[in-house]
N, C-alpha and C. Protein backbone atom coordinates (compact mmCIF):
# COMPACT_ATOMS: atom_id res chain seq x y z
N MET A 1 100.65 84.01 125.27
CA MET A 1 99.46 83.47 124.67
C MET A 1 98.94 82.33 125.57
N ILE A 2 97.63 82.35 125.79
CA ILE A 2 96.99 81.30 126.57
C ILE A 2 96.10 80.50 125.61
N ILE A 3 96.18 79.19 125.69
CA ILE A 3 95.38 78.31 124.84
C ILE A 3 94.48 77.48 125.74
N LYS A 4 93.16 77.58 125.48
CA LYS A 4 92.19 76.87 126.30
C LYS A 4 91.36 75.91 125.45
N ASP A 5 91.06 74.75 126.02
CA ASP A 5 90.13 73.84 125.38
C ASP A 5 88.72 74.43 125.44
N THR A 6 87.88 74.03 124.49
CA THR A 6 86.48 74.44 124.49
C THR A 6 85.63 73.18 124.66
N LYS A 7 84.32 73.31 124.55
CA LYS A 7 83.42 72.16 124.66
C LYS A 7 83.50 71.25 123.45
N LEU A 8 84.02 71.77 122.32
CA LEU A 8 84.07 70.99 121.09
C LEU A 8 85.44 70.38 120.89
N HIS A 9 85.46 69.11 120.54
CA HIS A 9 86.69 68.35 120.37
C HIS A 9 87.64 69.02 119.37
N GLY A 10 88.85 69.36 119.82
CA GLY A 10 89.87 69.92 118.96
C GLY A 10 89.81 71.43 118.76
N VAL A 11 88.72 72.07 119.17
CA VAL A 11 88.58 73.52 119.03
C VAL A 11 89.25 74.18 120.23
N LYS A 12 90.02 75.23 119.95
CA LYS A 12 90.75 75.94 121.01
C LYS A 12 90.39 77.41 121.01
N LEU A 13 90.30 77.98 122.20
CA LEU A 13 90.20 79.42 122.38
C LEU A 13 91.61 79.93 122.63
N VAL A 14 92.06 80.87 121.83
CA VAL A 14 93.42 81.40 121.94
C VAL A 14 93.33 82.85 122.41
N ILE A 15 93.94 83.11 123.54
CA ILE A 15 93.95 84.45 124.13
C ILE A 15 95.37 84.99 123.97
N PRO A 16 95.55 85.94 123.05
CA PRO A 16 96.91 86.43 122.78
C PRO A 16 97.41 87.38 123.85
N ASP A 17 98.72 87.49 123.91
CA ASP A 17 99.33 88.53 124.75
C ASP A 17 99.07 89.87 124.09
N ARG A 18 98.76 90.86 124.91
CA ARG A 18 98.48 92.21 124.39
C ARG A 18 99.35 93.20 125.15
N PHE A 19 99.86 94.15 124.43
CA PHE A 19 100.63 95.22 125.04
C PHE A 19 99.89 96.52 124.79
N GLU A 20 99.58 97.23 125.87
CA GLU A 20 98.86 98.50 125.74
C GLU A 20 99.65 99.61 126.42
N ASP A 21 99.69 100.75 125.76
CA ASP A 21 100.27 101.94 126.36
C ASP A 21 99.55 103.17 125.81
N HIS A 22 100.12 104.34 126.01
CA HIS A 22 99.46 105.58 125.60
C HIS A 22 99.25 105.67 124.09
N ARG A 23 99.93 104.86 123.30
CA ARG A 23 99.78 104.89 121.84
C ARG A 23 98.64 104.00 121.35
N GLY A 24 98.27 103.00 122.17
CA GLY A 24 97.25 102.05 121.75
C GLY A 24 97.63 100.64 122.16
N THR A 25 97.30 99.68 121.31
CA THR A 25 97.48 98.27 121.63
C THR A 25 98.31 97.57 120.55
N TYR A 26 99.17 96.65 120.99
CA TYR A 26 99.93 95.78 120.08
C TYR A 26 99.60 94.34 120.44
N MET A 27 99.38 93.51 119.40
CA MET A 27 99.04 92.11 119.63
C MET A 27 99.55 91.30 118.45
N GLU A 28 100.17 90.19 118.75
CA GLU A 28 100.62 89.28 117.70
C GLU A 28 99.49 88.29 117.39
N LEU A 29 99.07 88.22 116.13
CA LEU A 29 98.00 87.30 115.75
C LEU A 29 98.50 85.88 115.54
N TYR A 30 99.62 85.74 114.85
CA TYR A 30 100.06 84.39 114.50
C TYR A 30 101.57 84.32 114.48
N ASP A 31 102.09 83.28 115.11
CA ASP A 31 103.50 82.91 115.05
C ASP A 31 103.50 81.38 115.05
N SER A 32 104.07 80.79 114.03
CA SER A 32 104.02 79.33 113.89
C SER A 32 104.60 78.61 115.10
N GLU A 33 105.60 79.20 115.73
CA GLU A 33 106.19 78.59 116.92
C GLU A 33 105.16 78.51 118.06
N ASN A 34 104.38 79.57 118.23
CA ASN A 34 103.38 79.60 119.30
C ASN A 34 102.23 78.63 119.05
N PHE A 35 101.94 78.33 117.79
CA PHE A 35 100.82 77.45 117.47
C PHE A 35 101.24 75.98 117.33
N LYS A 36 102.54 75.67 117.51
CA LYS A 36 103.01 74.29 117.39
C LYS A 36 102.30 73.33 118.33
N SER A 37 101.89 73.82 119.50
CA SER A 37 101.22 72.93 120.46
C SER A 37 99.80 72.58 120.01
N ILE A 38 99.26 73.33 119.05
CA ILE A 38 97.91 73.10 118.56
C ILE A 38 97.92 72.35 117.24
N THR A 39 98.80 72.76 116.32
CA THR A 39 98.74 72.23 114.96
C THR A 39 100.09 72.27 114.27
N SER A 40 100.25 71.39 113.31
CA SER A 40 101.42 71.44 112.44
C SER A 40 101.04 71.92 111.04
N GLU A 41 99.81 72.39 110.90
CA GLU A 41 99.31 72.87 109.61
C GLU A 41 100.13 74.07 109.11
N THR A 42 100.25 74.17 107.80
CA THR A 42 100.81 75.35 107.15
C THR A 42 99.64 76.16 106.63
N PHE A 43 99.57 77.42 107.01
CA PHE A 43 98.45 78.27 106.60
C PHE A 43 98.82 78.99 105.30
N VAL A 44 97.87 79.02 104.34
CA VAL A 44 98.17 79.49 102.99
C VAL A 44 97.28 80.65 102.53
N GLN A 45 96.23 80.96 103.25
CA GLN A 45 95.33 82.02 102.79
C GLN A 45 94.76 82.77 103.97
N ASP A 46 94.74 84.10 103.85
CA ASP A 46 94.12 84.98 104.84
C ASP A 46 92.99 85.74 104.16
N ASP A 47 91.85 85.84 104.83
CA ASP A 47 90.69 86.55 104.30
C ASP A 47 90.10 87.42 105.39
N ILE A 48 89.37 88.45 104.99
CA ILE A 48 88.57 89.23 105.93
C ILE A 48 87.18 89.43 105.35
N SER A 49 86.21 89.60 106.24
CA SER A 49 84.89 90.07 105.83
C SER A 49 84.58 91.29 106.69
N ILE A 50 83.88 92.22 106.09
CA ILE A 50 83.46 93.43 106.79
C ILE A 50 81.94 93.44 106.76
N SER A 51 81.33 93.54 107.93
CA SER A 51 79.87 93.42 108.02
C SER A 51 79.28 94.53 108.86
N ARG A 52 78.04 94.88 108.52
CA ARG A 52 77.31 95.85 109.33
C ARG A 52 76.52 95.10 110.40
N LYS A 53 76.05 95.82 111.38
CA LYS A 53 75.30 95.23 112.48
C LYS A 53 74.12 94.42 111.97
N GLY A 54 73.96 93.22 112.52
CA GLY A 54 72.85 92.35 112.17
C GLY A 54 73.14 91.35 111.07
N VAL A 55 74.31 91.45 110.41
CA VAL A 55 74.69 90.49 109.38
C VAL A 55 75.17 89.22 110.05
N LEU A 56 74.65 88.09 109.58
CA LEU A 56 75.10 86.78 110.05
C LEU A 56 75.72 86.06 108.86
N ARG A 57 77.00 85.74 108.99
CA ARG A 57 77.73 85.00 107.94
C ARG A 57 77.96 83.57 108.44
N GLY A 58 77.47 82.60 107.67
CA GLY A 58 77.70 81.21 108.03
C GLY A 58 76.46 80.59 108.62
N LEU A 59 76.55 79.39 108.92
CA LEU A 59 77.58 78.47 109.40
C LEU A 59 78.16 77.70 108.20
N HIS A 60 79.45 77.88 107.95
CA HIS A 60 80.11 77.24 106.81
C HIS A 60 81.34 76.47 107.29
N GLY A 61 81.70 75.49 106.51
CA GLY A 61 82.93 74.74 106.76
C GLY A 61 83.12 73.71 105.67
N ASP A 62 84.18 72.93 105.79
CA ASP A 62 84.41 71.80 104.89
C ASP A 62 85.24 70.76 105.63
N ARG A 63 85.53 69.68 104.97
CA ARG A 63 86.23 68.56 105.60
C ARG A 63 87.75 68.64 105.50
N ARG A 64 88.27 69.74 104.93
CA ARG A 64 89.72 69.81 104.76
C ARG A 64 90.37 71.08 105.29
N THR A 65 89.57 72.10 105.62
CA THR A 65 90.14 73.40 105.97
C THR A 65 90.15 73.65 107.48
N THR A 66 91.34 73.86 108.00
CA THR A 66 91.55 74.29 109.38
C THR A 66 91.66 75.81 109.35
N LYS A 67 91.07 76.47 110.35
CA LYS A 67 91.05 77.93 110.37
C LYS A 67 91.44 78.48 111.74
N ILE A 68 91.96 79.68 111.72
CA ILE A 68 92.09 80.51 112.91
C ILE A 68 91.28 81.76 112.59
N VAL A 69 90.34 82.12 113.47
CA VAL A 69 89.46 83.26 113.21
C VAL A 69 89.48 84.22 114.39
N THR A 70 89.25 85.50 114.09
CA THR A 70 89.15 86.51 115.13
C THR A 70 88.45 87.74 114.57
N VAL A 71 88.01 88.62 115.43
CA VAL A 71 87.48 89.91 115.03
C VAL A 71 88.57 90.95 115.29
N LEU A 72 88.93 91.70 114.24
CA LEU A 72 89.97 92.72 114.36
C LEU A 72 89.41 94.06 114.81
N LYS A 73 88.17 94.36 114.39
CA LYS A 73 87.53 95.62 114.75
C LYS A 73 86.06 95.36 115.02
N GLY A 74 85.54 95.96 116.08
CA GLY A 74 84.14 95.76 116.44
C GLY A 74 83.96 94.52 117.28
N SER A 75 82.74 93.98 117.29
CA SER A 75 82.48 92.77 118.06
C SER A 75 81.49 91.89 117.33
N GLY A 76 81.64 90.59 117.56
CA GLY A 76 80.77 89.62 116.91
C GLY A 76 80.47 88.45 117.80
N TYR A 77 79.32 87.85 117.56
CA TYR A 77 78.89 86.62 118.23
C TYR A 77 79.28 85.48 117.30
N ALA A 78 80.31 84.74 117.70
CA ALA A 78 80.82 83.63 116.90
C ALA A 78 80.16 82.34 117.39
N LEU A 79 79.43 81.69 116.52
CA LEU A 79 78.83 80.40 116.86
C LEU A 79 79.49 79.36 115.96
N ILE A 80 80.01 78.32 116.59
CA ILE A 80 80.68 77.25 115.85
C ILE A 80 79.97 75.94 116.15
N ALA A 81 79.96 75.05 115.15
CA ALA A 81 79.21 73.80 115.28
C ALA A 81 80.05 72.64 114.76
N ASP A 82 80.07 71.55 115.52
CA ASP A 82 80.83 70.35 115.14
C ASP A 82 80.02 69.53 114.15
N ASN A 83 80.44 69.52 112.90
CA ASN A 83 79.75 68.79 111.83
C ASN A 83 80.57 67.59 111.36
N ARG A 84 81.32 66.99 112.29
CA ARG A 84 82.15 65.82 111.99
C ARG A 84 81.49 64.58 112.59
N PRO A 85 80.86 63.73 111.77
CA PRO A 85 80.15 62.56 112.30
C PRO A 85 81.02 61.65 113.18
N GLU A 86 82.32 61.63 112.95
CA GLU A 86 83.22 60.78 113.73
C GLU A 86 83.64 61.41 115.06
N SER A 87 83.29 62.65 115.31
CA SER A 87 83.73 63.37 116.49
C SER A 87 82.87 63.04 117.72
N PRO A 88 83.48 62.99 118.90
CA PRO A 88 82.69 62.77 120.12
C PRO A 88 81.76 63.94 120.45
N THR A 89 81.97 65.10 119.81
CA THR A 89 81.10 66.24 120.05
C THR A 89 80.27 66.59 118.81
N TYR A 90 80.03 65.60 117.95
CA TYR A 90 79.21 65.81 116.75
C TYR A 90 77.84 66.37 117.11
N LYS A 91 77.40 67.36 116.33
CA LYS A 91 76.10 68.04 116.50
C LYS A 91 76.03 68.88 117.77
N LYS A 92 77.17 69.19 118.36
CA LYS A 92 77.24 70.13 119.49
C LYS A 92 77.73 71.46 118.95
N TRP A 93 77.40 72.53 119.68
CA TRP A 93 77.83 73.85 119.28
C TRP A 93 78.23 74.66 120.49
N GLN A 94 78.94 75.76 120.24
CA GLN A 94 79.36 76.66 121.29
C GLN A 94 79.47 78.06 120.71
N SER A 95 79.27 79.07 121.53
CA SER A 95 79.37 80.45 121.06
C SER A 95 80.39 81.23 121.90
N PHE A 96 80.90 82.29 121.29
CA PHE A 96 81.93 83.14 121.90
C PHE A 96 81.69 84.57 121.45
N THR A 97 82.10 85.53 122.25
CA THR A 97 82.16 86.91 121.80
C THR A 97 83.60 87.18 121.41
N LEU A 98 83.79 87.51 120.14
CA LEU A 98 85.11 87.88 119.64
C LEU A 98 85.05 89.37 119.33
N SER A 99 86.12 90.07 119.69
CA SER A 99 86.11 91.52 119.44
C SER A 99 87.53 92.04 119.26
N GLY A 100 87.61 93.20 118.64
CA GLY A 100 88.90 93.88 118.55
C GLY A 100 89.42 94.23 119.93
N GLN A 101 88.50 94.42 120.86
CA GLN A 101 88.88 94.78 122.23
C GLN A 101 89.51 93.59 122.98
N ASN A 102 88.89 92.39 122.89
CA ASN A 102 89.46 91.25 123.63
C ASN A 102 90.52 90.50 122.85
N GLY A 103 90.51 90.60 121.51
CA GLY A 103 91.55 89.96 120.70
C GLY A 103 91.51 88.45 120.67
N ASN A 104 90.51 87.83 121.29
CA ASN A 104 90.47 86.37 121.34
C ASN A 104 90.32 85.77 119.95
N MET A 105 90.91 84.58 119.78
CA MET A 105 90.87 83.87 118.51
C MET A 105 90.33 82.46 118.76
N LEU A 106 89.82 81.85 117.70
CA LEU A 106 89.39 80.45 117.74
C LEU A 106 90.20 79.66 116.73
N PHE A 107 90.72 78.52 117.18
CA PHE A 107 91.35 77.56 116.29
C PHE A 107 90.29 76.51 115.97
N LEU A 108 89.97 76.36 114.67
CA LEU A 108 88.87 75.49 114.24
C LEU A 108 89.40 74.39 113.32
N PRO A 109 89.37 73.14 113.77
CA PRO A 109 89.78 72.04 112.88
C PRO A 109 88.80 71.89 111.71
N ALA A 110 89.23 71.20 110.68
CA ALA A 110 88.36 70.90 109.54
C ALA A 110 87.10 70.21 110.05
N GLY A 111 85.97 70.55 109.43
CA GLY A 111 84.69 69.95 109.81
C GLY A 111 83.89 70.76 110.80
N ILE A 112 84.44 71.85 111.28
CA ILE A 112 83.72 72.72 112.20
C ILE A 112 83.02 73.80 111.38
N GLY A 113 81.71 73.97 111.59
CA GLY A 113 80.96 75.05 110.96
C GLY A 113 81.26 76.35 111.68
N ASN A 114 81.52 77.39 110.93
CA ASN A 114 81.98 78.66 111.46
C ASN A 114 81.00 79.76 111.06
N SER A 115 80.65 80.63 112.01
CA SER A 115 79.78 81.76 111.70
C SER A 115 80.14 82.96 112.56
N ILE A 116 79.69 84.13 112.09
CA ILE A 116 79.87 85.35 112.87
C ILE A 116 78.63 86.23 112.67
N LEU A 117 78.09 86.72 113.77
CA LEU A 117 76.99 87.68 113.74
C LEU A 117 77.56 89.02 114.17
N ALA A 118 77.45 90.03 113.30
CA ALA A 118 77.98 91.36 113.62
C ALA A 118 77.11 92.01 114.68
N LEU A 119 77.72 92.35 115.81
CA LEU A 119 77.01 92.99 116.91
C LEU A 119 77.06 94.51 116.83
N GLU A 120 77.85 95.03 115.90
CA GLU A 120 77.92 96.46 115.66
C GLU A 120 78.32 96.68 114.21
N ASP A 121 78.27 97.92 113.76
CA ASP A 121 78.60 98.21 112.37
C ASP A 121 80.09 98.08 112.09
N ASP A 122 80.36 97.68 110.86
CA ASP A 122 81.72 97.63 110.32
C ASP A 122 82.68 96.74 111.10
N ILE A 123 82.20 95.56 111.50
CA ILE A 123 83.16 94.65 112.13
C ILE A 123 84.04 94.04 111.05
N ILE A 124 85.28 93.79 111.41
CA ILE A 124 86.23 93.15 110.51
C ILE A 124 86.55 91.78 111.09
N TYR A 125 86.17 90.74 110.35
CA TYR A 125 86.36 89.35 110.76
C TYR A 125 87.49 88.77 109.93
N TYR A 126 88.46 88.17 110.60
CA TYR A 126 89.69 87.67 109.97
C TYR A 126 89.72 86.15 110.01
N TYR A 127 90.05 85.54 108.86
CA TYR A 127 90.17 84.10 108.73
C TYR A 127 91.58 83.77 108.23
N LYS A 128 92.27 82.86 108.89
CA LYS A 128 93.55 82.32 108.43
C LYS A 128 93.27 80.84 108.15
N GLN A 129 93.63 80.37 106.92
CA GLN A 129 93.23 79.02 106.51
C GLN A 129 94.40 78.22 105.98
N ASN A 130 94.31 76.90 106.15
CA ASN A 130 95.38 76.02 105.67
C ASN A 130 95.14 75.50 104.26
N THR A 131 94.03 75.85 103.62
CA THR A 131 93.78 75.47 102.23
C THR A 131 93.28 76.71 101.48
N HIS A 132 93.41 76.64 100.18
CA HIS A 132 92.85 77.69 99.34
C HIS A 132 91.37 77.40 99.16
N PHE A 133 90.57 78.44 99.11
CA PHE A 133 89.13 78.30 98.95
C PHE A 133 88.81 77.64 97.61
N THR A 134 87.92 76.66 97.64
CA THR A 134 87.43 76.01 96.43
C THR A 134 85.92 76.12 96.44
N ASP A 135 85.38 76.85 95.48
CA ASP A 135 83.93 77.07 95.40
C ASP A 135 83.20 75.73 95.26
N GLY A 136 82.10 75.59 95.97
CA GLY A 136 81.29 74.39 95.88
C GLY A 136 81.73 73.24 96.77
N GLN A 137 82.72 73.46 97.60
CA GLN A 137 83.24 72.39 98.47
C GLN A 137 82.81 72.52 99.92
N GLN A 138 82.10 73.59 100.26
CA GLN A 138 81.72 73.82 101.65
C GLN A 138 80.33 73.29 101.97
N PHE A 139 80.13 72.98 103.26
CA PHE A 139 78.79 72.71 103.75
C PHE A 139 78.25 73.98 104.38
N THR A 140 76.94 74.09 104.42
CA THR A 140 76.26 75.18 105.12
C THR A 140 75.25 74.55 106.06
N ILE A 141 75.29 74.92 107.32
CA ILE A 141 74.27 74.52 108.28
C ILE A 141 73.35 75.73 108.43
N LYS A 142 72.07 75.53 108.22
CA LYS A 142 71.13 76.66 108.30
C LYS A 142 71.15 77.23 109.72
N TRP A 143 71.22 78.54 109.80
CA TRP A 143 71.40 79.25 111.08
C TRP A 143 70.31 78.92 112.09
N ASP A 144 69.11 78.59 111.61
CA ASP A 144 68.00 78.30 112.52
C ASP A 144 67.51 76.85 112.40
N ASP A 145 68.39 75.95 111.97
CA ASP A 145 68.05 74.53 111.84
C ASP A 145 67.61 74.00 113.21
N PRO A 146 66.35 73.56 113.35
CA PRO A 146 65.86 73.13 114.66
C PRO A 146 66.57 71.89 115.22
N SER A 147 67.18 71.08 114.36
CA SER A 147 67.87 69.88 114.86
C SER A 147 69.13 70.23 115.64
N TRP A 148 69.65 71.45 115.47
CA TRP A 148 70.84 71.88 116.19
C TRP A 148 70.50 72.68 117.45
N ASP A 149 69.32 73.27 117.52
CA ASP A 149 68.89 74.04 118.69
C ASP A 149 69.85 75.18 119.03
N PHE A 150 70.28 75.93 118.01
CA PHE A 150 71.17 77.07 118.22
C PHE A 150 70.45 78.17 118.98
N TRP A 151 71.22 78.97 119.73
CA TRP A 151 70.69 80.20 120.33
C TRP A 151 71.43 81.37 119.72
N TRP A 152 70.67 82.34 119.23
CA TRP A 152 71.22 83.55 118.64
C TRP A 152 70.65 84.77 119.37
N PRO A 153 71.43 85.82 119.51
CA PRO A 153 70.92 87.04 120.15
C PRO A 153 70.19 87.95 119.14
N ILE A 154 69.54 87.34 118.16
CA ILE A 154 68.84 88.08 117.11
C ILE A 154 67.73 87.19 116.56
N LYS A 155 66.65 87.80 116.14
CA LYS A 155 65.52 87.04 115.58
C LYS A 155 65.52 87.04 114.05
N ASN A 156 65.92 88.17 113.44
CA ASN A 156 65.88 88.32 111.98
C ASN A 156 67.20 88.86 111.47
N PRO A 157 68.23 88.01 111.37
CA PRO A 157 69.52 88.50 110.89
C PRO A 157 69.47 88.81 109.40
N ILE A 158 70.45 89.57 108.95
CA ILE A 158 70.64 89.83 107.53
C ILE A 158 71.49 88.67 106.99
N LEU A 159 70.93 87.95 106.00
CA LEU A 159 71.55 86.72 105.50
C LEU A 159 71.81 86.78 104.00
N SER A 160 72.80 86.03 103.55
CA SER A 160 72.97 85.79 102.11
C SER A 160 71.89 84.80 101.68
N MET A 161 71.68 84.67 100.38
CA MET A 161 70.70 83.68 99.89
C MET A 161 71.13 82.28 100.30
N ARG A 162 72.40 82.00 100.22
CA ARG A 162 72.91 80.68 100.60
C ARG A 162 72.59 80.37 102.06
N ASP A 163 72.84 81.34 102.95
CA ASP A 163 72.60 81.12 104.37
C ASP A 163 71.11 81.06 104.69
N GLU A 164 70.32 81.80 103.96
CA GLU A 164 68.87 81.77 104.16
C GLU A 164 68.30 80.40 103.79
N ARG A 165 68.80 79.83 102.71
CA ARG A 165 68.34 78.51 102.25
C ARG A 165 68.96 77.38 103.05
N GLY A 166 70.19 77.60 103.51
CA GLY A 166 70.92 76.53 104.19
C GLY A 166 71.42 75.48 103.23
N ASP A 167 71.88 75.93 102.07
CA ASP A 167 72.39 74.98 101.06
C ASP A 167 73.47 74.10 101.67
N TYR A 168 73.37 72.83 101.41
CA TYR A 168 74.35 71.87 101.93
C TYR A 168 75.06 71.24 100.75
N VAL A 169 76.36 71.49 100.66
CA VAL A 169 77.16 70.94 99.57
C VAL A 169 78.32 70.19 100.19
N GLU A 170 78.62 68.99 99.64
CA GLU A 170 79.85 68.29 100.04
C GLU A 170 80.12 67.15 99.14
């Protein structure tokens, strides 16, 4: 496993070891020993979302949840945003292509807004979290908020009502 720093403070790009042969591919997603250099968090909840092409989920986050995210099937444009006022990279963002093919993962500290834009049909997006989800505790940064100057490879994504409005809760 290779762990790389990103432009955002505390966010890591994790490139797992992959084994490929005539049967297919094997990859380890998580081993607490391998992640010790990044975090001492205990992860308690795993979630997936399945999206069709053009669906944009997020930008969501909260002040207490650390996540590891990846795409298990298909490909997605992952845009993450630092929403921590105390951070040296506050109001900065970065994007990545995550796919079942590359297996790359992102380690996201609490306070990072997380999103995924499905670049093809039926992508499976995986979230590993250190807290249990609590409704009403997340912030939402509107996907096209001009104060952030995000770049997206789409003009009219498919959005939830929450993401369309950019509801901000905290």
